């Protein structure tokens, strides 16, 4: 069985740690690698919008778990799909 990202927006408090910690996001956006939000239409895995985490391109995820480890409120998990 495959695993994938599952987000719980109701738990998210919008810190953005996951967006910055994600190595795929950082590799695709120099703004994210620098600790800011993306300023262009680069394809990234996740983003915080209106204070909640949203998956944009979960198919890009390498399932490293860095975002899960960086989330202080357990709003992201890797689960069986």
PDB file of N, CA and C in Angstrom:
ATOM      1  N   UNK A   1       0.844  -1.176   0.000  1.00  0.00           N
ATOM      2  CA  UNK A   1       0.000   0.000   0.000  1.00  0.00           C
ATOM      3  C   UNK A   1       0.894   1.245   0.000  1.00  0.00           C
ATOM      4  N   UNK A   2       0.528   2.236  -0.758  1.00  0.00           N
ATOM      5  CA  UNK A   2       1.293   3.479  -0.867  1.00  0.00           C
ATOM      6  C   UNK A   2       0.965   4.410   0.292  1.00  0.00           C
ATOM      7  N   UNK A   3       1.953   5.240   0.641  1.00  0.00           N
ATOM      8  CA  UNK A   3       1.700   6.267   1.642  1.00  0.00           C
ATOM      9  C   UNK A   3       1.727   7.627   0.975  1.00  0.00           C
ATOM     10  N   UNK A   4       1.066   8.578   1.596  1.00  0.00           N
ATOM     11  CA  UNK A   4       1.031   9.928   1.064  1.00  0.00           C
ATOM     12  C   UNK A   4       0.726  10.936   2.149  1.00  0.00           C
ATOM     13  N   UNK A   5       0.839  12.189   1.788  1.00  0.00           N
ATOM     14  CA  UNK A   5       0.578  13.268   2.735  1.00  0.00           C
ATOM     15  C   UNK A   5      -0.904  13.404   3.006  1.00  0.00           C
ATOM     16  N   UNK A   6      -1.218  13.612   4.261  1.00  0.00           N
ATOM     17  CA  UNK A   6      -2.583  13.922   4.680  1.00  0.00           C
ATOM     18  C   UNK A   6      -2.485  15.162   5.563  1.00  0.00           C
ATOM     19  N   UNK A   7      -3.290  16.161   5.284  1.00  0.00           N
ATOM     20  CA  UNK A   7      -3.255  17.376   6.099  1.00  0.00           C
ATOM     21  C   UNK A   7      -4.581  17.530   6.841  1.00  0.00           C
ATOM     22  N   UNK A   8      -4.469  18.140   8.002  1.00  0.00           N
ATOM     23  CA  UNK A   8      -5.621  18.422   8.843  1.00  0.00           C
ATOM     24  C   UNK A   8      -5.669  19.931   9.058  1.00  0.00           C
ATOM     25  N   UNK A   9      -6.281  20.662   8.119  1.00  0.00           N
ATOM     26  CA  UNK A   9      -6.290  22.133   8.203  1.00  0.00           C
ATOM     27  C   UNK A   9      -6.868  22.658   9.504  1.00  0.00           C
ATOM     28  N   UNK A  10      -7.774  21.921  10.106  1.00  0.00           N
ATOM     29  CA  UNK A  10      -8.391  22.389  11.346  1.00  0.00           C
ATOM     30  C   UNK A  10      -7.390  22.427  12.504  1.00  0.00           C
ATOM     31  N   UNK A  11      -6.282  21.704  12.385  1.00  0.00           N
ATOM     32  CA  UNK A  11      -5.249  21.721  13.423  1.00  0.00           C
ATOM     33  C   UNK A  11      -4.174  22.770  13.146  1.00  0.00           C
ATOM     34  N   UNK A  12      -4.036  23.172  11.885  1.00  0.00           N
ATOM     35  CA  UNK A  12      -2.976  24.077  11.458  1.00  0.00           C
ATOM     36  C   UNK A  12      -3.188  25.468  12.052  1.00  0.00           C
ATOM     37  N   UNK A  13      -2.086  26.056  12.528  1.00  0.00           N
ATOM     38  CA  UNK A  13      -2.173  27.440  12.996  1.00  0.00           C
ATOM     39  C   UNK A  13      -1.407  28.383  12.085  1.00  0.00           C
ATOM     40  N   UNK A  14      -0.971  27.885  10.923  1.00  0.00           N
ATOM     41  CA  UNK A  14      -0.425  28.738   9.879  1.00  0.00           C
ATOM     42  C   UNK A  14       1.009  29.189  10.055  1.00  0.00           C
ATOM     43  N   UNK A  15       1.801  28.454  10.817  1.00  0.00           N
ATOM     44  CA  UNK A  15       3.186  28.888  11.056  1.00  0.00           C
ATOM     45  C   UNK A  15       4.047  28.801   9.802  1.00  0.00           C
ATOM     46  N   UNK A  16       3.747  27.875   8.913  1.00  0.00           N
ATOM     47  CA  UNK A  16       4.508  27.727   7.674  1.00  0.00           C
ATOM     48  C   UNK A  16       5.806  26.948   7.811  1.00  0.00           C
ATOM     49  N   UNK A  17       6.065  26.376   8.984  1.00  0.00           N
ATOM     50  CA  UNK A  17       7.285  25.581   9.164  1.00  0.00           C
ATOM     51  C   UNK A  17       7.387  24.482   8.121  1.00  0.00           C
ATOM     52  N   UNK A  18       6.291  23.827   7.822  1.00  0.00           N
ATOM     53  CA  UNK A  18       6.287  22.712   6.874  1.00  0.00           C
ATOM     54  C   UNK A  18       6.664  23.167   5.476  1.00  0.00           C
ATOM     55  N   UNK A  19       6.170  24.323   5.077  1.00  0.00           N
ATOM     56  CA  UNK A  19       6.427  24.838   3.727  1.00  0.00           C
ATOM     57  C   UNK A  19       7.910  25.120   3.556  1.00  0.00           C
ATOM     58  N   UNK A  20       8.518  25.730   4.573  1.00  0.00           N
ATOM     59  CA  UNK A  20       9.932  26.084   4.512  1.00  0.00           C
ATOM     60  C   UNK A  20      10.818  24.849   4.671  1.00  0.00           C
ATOM     61  N   UNK A  21      10.425  23.927   5.546  1.00  0.00           N
ATOM     62  CA  UNK A  21      11.251  22.749   5.823  1.00  0.00           C
ATOM     63  C   UNK A  21      11.276  21.759   4.668  1.00  0.00           C
ATOM     64  N   UNK A  22      10.260  21.749   3.845  1.00  0.00           N
ATOM     65  CA  UNK A  22      10.152  20.779   2.746  1.00  0.00           C
ATOM     66  C   UNK A  22      11.314  20.964   1.761  1.00  0.00           C
ATOM     67  N   UNK A  23      12.143  19.940   1.570  1.00  0.00           N
ATOM     68  CA  UNK A  23      13.261  20.077   0.646  1.00  0.00           C
ATOM     69  C   UNK A  23      12.834  20.248  -0.814  1.00  0.00           C
ATOM     70  N   UNK A  24      11.711  19.701  -1.191  1.00  0.00           N
ATOM     71  CA  UNK A  24      11.218  19.876  -2.569  1.00  0.00           C
ATOM     72  C   UNK A  24      10.774  21.319  -2.775  1.00  0.00           C
ATOM     73  N   UNK A  25      10.018  21.862  -1.826  1.00  0.00           N
ATOM     74  CA  UNK A  25       9.602  23.269  -1.927  1.00  0.00           C
ATOM     75  C   UNK A  25      10.817  24.186  -2.011  1.00  0.00           C
ATOM     76  N   UNK A  26      11.787  23.967  -1.156  1.00  0.00           N
ATOM     77  CA  UNK A  26      12.984  24.821  -1.134  1.00  0.00           C
ATOM     78  C   UNK A  26      13.764  24.724  -2.434  1.00  0.00           C
ATOM     79  N   UNK A  27      13.835  23.537  -2.994  1.00  0.00           N
ATOM     80  CA  UNK A  27      14.562  23.370  -4.255  1.00  0.00           C
ATOM     81  C   UNK A  27      13.854  24.061  -5.414  1.00  0.00           C
ATOM     82  N   UNK A  28      12.552  24.165  -5.342  1.00  0.00           N
ATOM     83  CA  UNK A  28      11.769  24.757  -6.431  1.00  0.00           C
ATOM     84  C   UNK A  28      11.586  26.259  -6.296  1.00  0.00           C
ATOM     85  N   UNK A  29      11.796  26.812  -5.095  1.00  0.00           N
ATOM     86  CA  UNK A  29      11.544  28.236  -4.891  1.00  0.00           C
ATOM     87  C   UNK A  29      12.632  28.852  -4.020  1.00  0.00           C
ATOM     88  N   UNK A  30      13.443  29.760  -4.545  1.00  0.00           N
ATOM     89  CA  UNK A  30      14.441  30.428  -3.718  1.00  0.00           C
ATOM     90  C   UNK A  30      13.813  31.261  -2.608  1.00  0.00           C
ATOM     91  N   UNK A  31      12.606  31.759  -2.830  1.00  0.00           N
ATOM     92  CA  UNK A  31      11.924  32.519  -1.786  1.00  0.00           C
ATOM     93  C   UNK A  31      11.615  31.617  -0.586  1.00  0.00           C
ATOM     94  N   UNK A  32      11.131  30.430  -0.850  1.00  0.00           N
ATOM     95  CA  UNK A  32      10.838  29.495   0.234  1.00  0.00           C
ATOM     96  C   UNK A  32      12.126  29.076   0.937  1.00  0.00           C
ATOM     97  N   UNK A  33      13.176  28.810   0.184  1.00  0.00           N
ATOM     98  CA  UNK A  33      14.459  28.438   0.788  1.00  0.00           C
ATOM     99  C   UNK A  33      14.965  29.540   1.705  1.00  0.00           C
ATOM    100  N   UNK A  34      14.611  30.786   1.419  1.00  0.00           N
ATOM    101  CA  UNK A  34      15.007  31.916   2.242  1.00  0.00           C
ATOM    102  C   UNK A  34      14.050  32.203   3.388  1.00  0.00           C
ATOM    103  N   UNK A  35      13.014  31.387   3.547  1.00  0.00           N
ATOM    104  CA  UNK A  35      12.103  31.545   4.675  1.00  0.00           C
ATOM    105  C   UNK A  35      10.878  32.384   4.386  1.00  0.00           C
ATOM    106  N   UNK A  36      10.614  32.657   3.112  1.00  0.00           N
ATOM    107  CA  UNK A  36       9.452  33.459   2.752  1.00  0.00           C
ATOM    108  C   UNK A  36       8.491  32.621   1.912  1.00  0.00           C
ATOM    109  N   UNK A  37       7.344  33.172   1.628  1.00  0.00           N
ATOM    110  CA  UNK A  37       6.396  32.514   0.753  1.00  0.00           C
ATOM    111  C   UNK A  37       6.823  32.663  -0.696  1.00  0.00           C
ATOM    112  N   UNK A  38       6.356  31.778  -1.548  1.00  0.00           N
ATOM    113  CA  UNK A  38       6.714  31.895  -2.969  1.00  0.00           C
ATOM    114  C   UNK A  38       6.109  33.163  -3.570  1.00  0.00           C
ATOM    115  N   UNK A  39       6.830  33.779  -4.494  1.00  0.00           N
ATOM    116  CA  UNK A  39       6.332  35.000  -5.119  1.00  0.00           C
ATOM    117  C   UNK A  39       5.923  34.775  -6.565  1.00  0.00           C
ATOM    118  N   UNK A  40       6.058  33.571  -7.046  1.00  0.00           N
ATOM    119  CA  UNK A  40       5.660  33.296  -8.421  1.00  0.00           C
ATOM    120  C   UNK A  40       4.790  32.038  -8.447  1.00  0.00           C
ATOM    121  N   UNK A  41       4.510  31.565  -9.611  1.00  0.00           N
ATOM    122  CA  UNK A  41       3.615  30.423  -9.761  1.00  0.00           C
ATOM    123  C   UNK A  41       4.351  29.087  -9.761  1.00  0.00           C
ATOM    124  N   UNK A  42       5.452  28.996  -9.051  1.00  0.00           N
ATOM    125  CA  UNK A  42       6.210  27.758  -8.989  1.00  0.00           C
ATOM    126  C   UNK A  42       5.348  26.649  -8.382  1.00  0.00           C
ATOM    127  N   UNK A  43       5.496  25.443  -8.899  1.00  0.00           N
ATOM    128  CA  UNK A  43       4.748  24.312  -8.377  1.00  0.00           C
ATOM    129  C   UNK A  43       5.442  23.805  -7.120  1.00  0.00           C
ATOM    130  N   UNK A  44       4.750  23.886  -6.013  1.00  0.00           N
ATOM    131  CA  UNK A  44       5.266  23.393  -4.741  1.00  0.00           C
ATOM    132  C   UNK A  44       4.264  22.411  -4.161  1.00  0.00           C
ATOM    133  N   UNK A  45       4.697  21.680  -3.171  1.00  0.00           N
ATOM    134  CA  UNK A  45       3.844  20.636  -2.604  1.00  0.00           C
ATOM    135  C   UNK A  45       2.736  21.218  -1.746  1.00  0.00           C
ATOM    136  N   UNK A  46       3.112  22.150  -0.874  1.00  0.00           N
ATOM    137  CA  UNK A  46       2.132  22.689   0.076  1.00  0.00           C
ATOM    138  C   UNK A  46       2.360  24.168   0.282  1.00  0.00           C
ATOM    139  N   UNK A  47       1.321  24.824   0.744  1.00  0.00           N
ATOM    140  CA  UNK A  47       1.403  26.254   1.019  1.00  0.00           C
ATOM    141  C   UNK A  47       0.387  26.586   2.110  1.00  0.00           C
ATOM    142  N   UNK A  48       0.674  27.620   2.871  1.00  0.00           N
ATOM    143  CA  UNK A  48      -0.294  28.105   3.857  1.00  0.00           C
ATOM    144  C   UNK A  48      -1.091  29.222   3.197  1.00  0.00           C
ATOM    145  N   UNK A  49      -2.401  29.033   3.162  1.00  0.00           N
ATOM    146  CA  UNK A  49      -3.308  30.033   2.604  1.00  0.00           C
ATOM    147  C   UNK A  49      -4.399  30.305   3.624  1.00  0.00           C
ATOM    148  N   UNK A  50      -4.640  31.561   3.889  1.00  0.00           N
ATOM    149  CA  UNK A  50      -5.660  31.959   4.858  1.00  0.00           C
ATOM    150  C   UNK A  50      -5.448  31.269   6.207  1.00  0.00           C
ATOM    151  N   UNK A  51      -4.193  31.091   6.577  1.00  0.00           N
ATOM    152  CA  UNK A  51      -3.873  30.538   7.886  1.00  0.00           C
ATOM    153  C   UNK A  51      -3.975  29.043   8.018  1.00  0.00           C
ATOM    154  N   UNK A  52      -4.149  28.335   6.876  1.00  0.00           N
ATOM    155  CA  UNK A  52      -4.272  26.881   6.933  1.00  0.00           C
ATOM    156  C   UNK A  52      -3.420  26.243   5.847  1.00  0.00           C
ATOM    157  N   UNK A  53      -2.909  25.070   6.166  1.00  0.00           N
ATOM    158  CA  UNK A  53      -2.104  24.331   5.200  1.00  0.00           C
ATOM    159  C   UNK A  53      -2.987  23.742   4.109  1.00  0.00           C
ATOM    160  N   UNK A  54      -2.507  23.844   2.877  1.00  0.00           N
ATOM    161  CA  UNK A  54      -3.199  23.260   1.732  1.00  0.00           C
ATOM    162  C   UNK A  54      -2.197  22.530   0.873  1.00  0.00           C
ATOM    163  N   UNK A  55      -2.548  21.341   0.428  1.00  0.00           N
ATOM    164  CA  UNK A  55      -1.715  20.594  -0.506  1.00  0.00           C
ATOM    165  C   UNK A  55      -1.999  21.101  -1.904  1.00  0.00           C
ATOM    166  N   UNK A  56      -0.956  21.455  -2.635  1.00  0.00           N
ATOM    167  CA  UNK A  56      -1.098  21.924  -4.004  1.00  0.00           C
ATOM    168  C   UNK A  56      -0.697  20.851  -5.008  1.00  0.00           C
ATOM    169  N   UNK A  57       0.444  20.219  -4.766  1.00  0.00           N
ATOM    170  CA  UNK A  57       0.952  19.192  -5.678  1.00  0.00           C
ATOM    171  C   UNK A  57       1.519  18.025  -4.867  1.00  0.00           C
ATOM    172  N   UNK A  58       0.658  17.263  -4.199  1.00  0.00           N
ATOM    173  CA  UNK A  58       1.166  16.178  -3.352  1.00  0.00           C
ATOM    174  C   UNK A  58       1.921  15.110  -4.124  1.00  0.00           C
ATOM    175  N   UNK A  59       1.706  15.045  -5.430  1.00  0.00           N
ATOM    176  CA  UNK A  59       2.414  14.058  -6.244  1.00  0.00           C
ATOM    177  C   UNK A  59       3.915  14.349  -6.325  1.00  0.00           C
ATOM    178  N   UNK A  60       4.343  15.552  -5.967  1.00  0.00           N
ATOM    179  CA  UNK A  60       5.759  15.908  -5.974  1.00  0.00           C
ATOM    180  C   UNK A  60       6.473  15.440  -4.703  1.00  0.00           C
ATOM    181  N   UNK A  61       5.726  15.018  -3.705  1.00  0.00           N
ATOM    182  CA  UNK A  61       6.283  14.661  -2.399  1.00  0.00           C
ATOM    183  C   UNK A  61       7.149  13.411  -2.491  1.00  0.00           C
ATOM    184  N   UNK A  62       8.339  13.491  -1.876  1.00  0.00           N
ATOM    185  CA  UNK A  62       9.240  12.344  -1.810  1.00  0.00           C
ATOM    186  C   UNK A  62       9.046  11.523  -0.551  1.00  0.00           C
ATOM    187  N   UNK A  63       8.064  11.884   0.266  1.00  0.00           N
ATOM    188  CA  UNK A  63       7.714  11.170   1.503  1.00  0.00           C
ATOM    189  C   UNK A  63       8.880  11.086   2.484  1.00  0.00           C
ATOM    190  N   UNK A  64       9.653  12.158   2.580  1.00  0.00           N
ATOM    191  CA  UNK A  64      10.791  12.182   3.505  1.00  0.00           C
ATOM    192  C   UNK A  64      10.342  12.421   4.942  1.00  0.00           C
ATOM    193  N   UNK A  65       9.165  13.032   5.129  1.00  0.00           N
ATOM    194  CA  UNK A  65       8.638  13.269   6.469  1.00  0.00           C
ATOM    195  C   UNK A  65       9.150  14.534   7.133  1.00  0.00           C
ATOM    196  N   UNK A  66       9.923  15.341   6.428  1.00  0.00           N
ATOM    197  CA  UNK A  66      10.444  16.569   7.026  1.00  0.00           C
ATOM    198  C   UNK A  66       9.317  17.509   7.438  1.00  0.00           C
ATOM    199  N   UNK A  67       8.301  17.628   6.632  1.00  0.00           N
ATOM    200  CA  UNK A  67       7.172  18.505   6.975  1.00  0.00           C
ATOM    201  C   UNK A  67       6.444  17.993   8.209  1.00  0.00           C
ATOM    202  N   UNK A  68       6.308  16.683   8.309  1.00  0.00           N
ATOM    203  CA  UNK A  68       5.636  16.082   9.463  1.00  0.00           C
ATOM    204  C   UNK A  68       6.412  16.407  10.738  1.00  0.00           C
ATOM    205  N   UNK A  69       7.729  16.256  10.668  1.00  0.00           N
ATOM    206  CA  UNK A  69       8.574  16.523  11.841  1.00  0.00           C
ATOM    207  C   UNK A  69       8.591  17.998  12.218  1.00  0.00           C
ATOM    208  N   UNK A  70       8.418  18.885  11.243  1.00  0.00           N
ATOM    209  CA  UNK A  70       8.504  20.321  11.527  1.00  0.00           C
ATOM    210  C   UNK A  70       7.191  20.921  12.030  1.00  0.00           C
ATOM    211  N   UNK A  71       6.109  20.183  11.942  1.00  0.00           N
ATOM    212  CA  UNK A  71       4.798  20.698  12.344  1.00  0.00           C
ATOM    213  C   UNK A  71       4.615  20.585  13.860  1.00  0.00           C
ATOM    214  N   UNK A  72       4.453  21.715  14.549  1.00  0.00           N
ATOM    215  CA  UNK A  72       4.312  21.659  16.011  1.00  0.00           C
ATOM    216  C   UNK A  72       2.938  21.219  16.499  1.00  0.00           C
ATOM    217  N   UNK A  73       1.956  21.120  15.580  1.00  0.00           N
ATOM    218  CA  UNK A  73       0.595  20.784  16.016  1.00  0.00           C
ATOM    219  C   UNK A  73       0.053  19.520  15.344  1.00  0.00           C
ATOM    220  N   UNK A  74       0.948  18.732  14.726  1.00  0.00           N
ATOM    221  CA  UNK A  74       0.558  17.463  14.090  1.00  0.00           C
ATOM    222  C   UNK A  74      -0.553  17.627  13.053  1.00  0.00           C
ATOM    223  N   UNK A  75      -0.451  18.689  12.255  1.00  0.00           N
ATOM    224  CA  UNK A  75      -1.463  18.927  11.219  1.00  0.00           C
ATOM    225  C   UNK A  75      -1.138  18.206   9.917  1.00  0.00           C
ATOM    226  N   UNK A  76       0.032  17.544   9.849  1.00  0.00           N
ATOM    227  CA  UNK A  76       0.442  16.818   8.642  1.00  0.00           C
ATOM    228  C   UNK A  76       0.907  15.430   9.065  1.00  0.00           C
ATOM    229  N   UNK A  77       0.488  14.434   8.298  1.00  0.00           N
ATOM    230  CA  UNK A  77       0.945  13.067   8.555  1.00  0.00           C
ATOM    231  C   UNK A  77       1.240  12.391   7.224  1.00  0.00           C
ATOM    232  N   UNK A  78       1.993  11.315   7.295  1.00  0.00           N
ATOM    233  CA  UNK A  78       2.151  10.404   6.162  1.00  0.00           C
ATOM    234  C   UNK A  78       1.303   9.185   6.507  1.00  0.00           C
ATOM    235  N   UNK A  79       0.315   8.898   5.662  1.00  0.00           N
ATOM    236  CA  UNK A  79      -0.624   7.821   5.950  1.00  0.00           C
ATOM    237  C   UNK A  79      -0.802   6.935   4.734  1.00  0.00           C
ATOM    238  N   UNK A  80      -1.307   5.742   4.969  1.00  0.00           N
ATOM    239  CA  UNK A  80      -1.682   4.857   3.878  1.00  0.00           C
ATOM    240  C   UNK A  80      -2.775   5.523   3.059  1.00  0.00           C
ATOM    241  N   UNK A  81      -2.632   5.418   1.750  1.00  0.00           N
ATOM    242  CA  UNK A  81      -3.653   6.000   0.867  1.00  0.00           C
ATOM    243  C   UNK A  81      -4.692   4.967   0.509  1.00  0.00           C
TER     244      UNK A  81
END
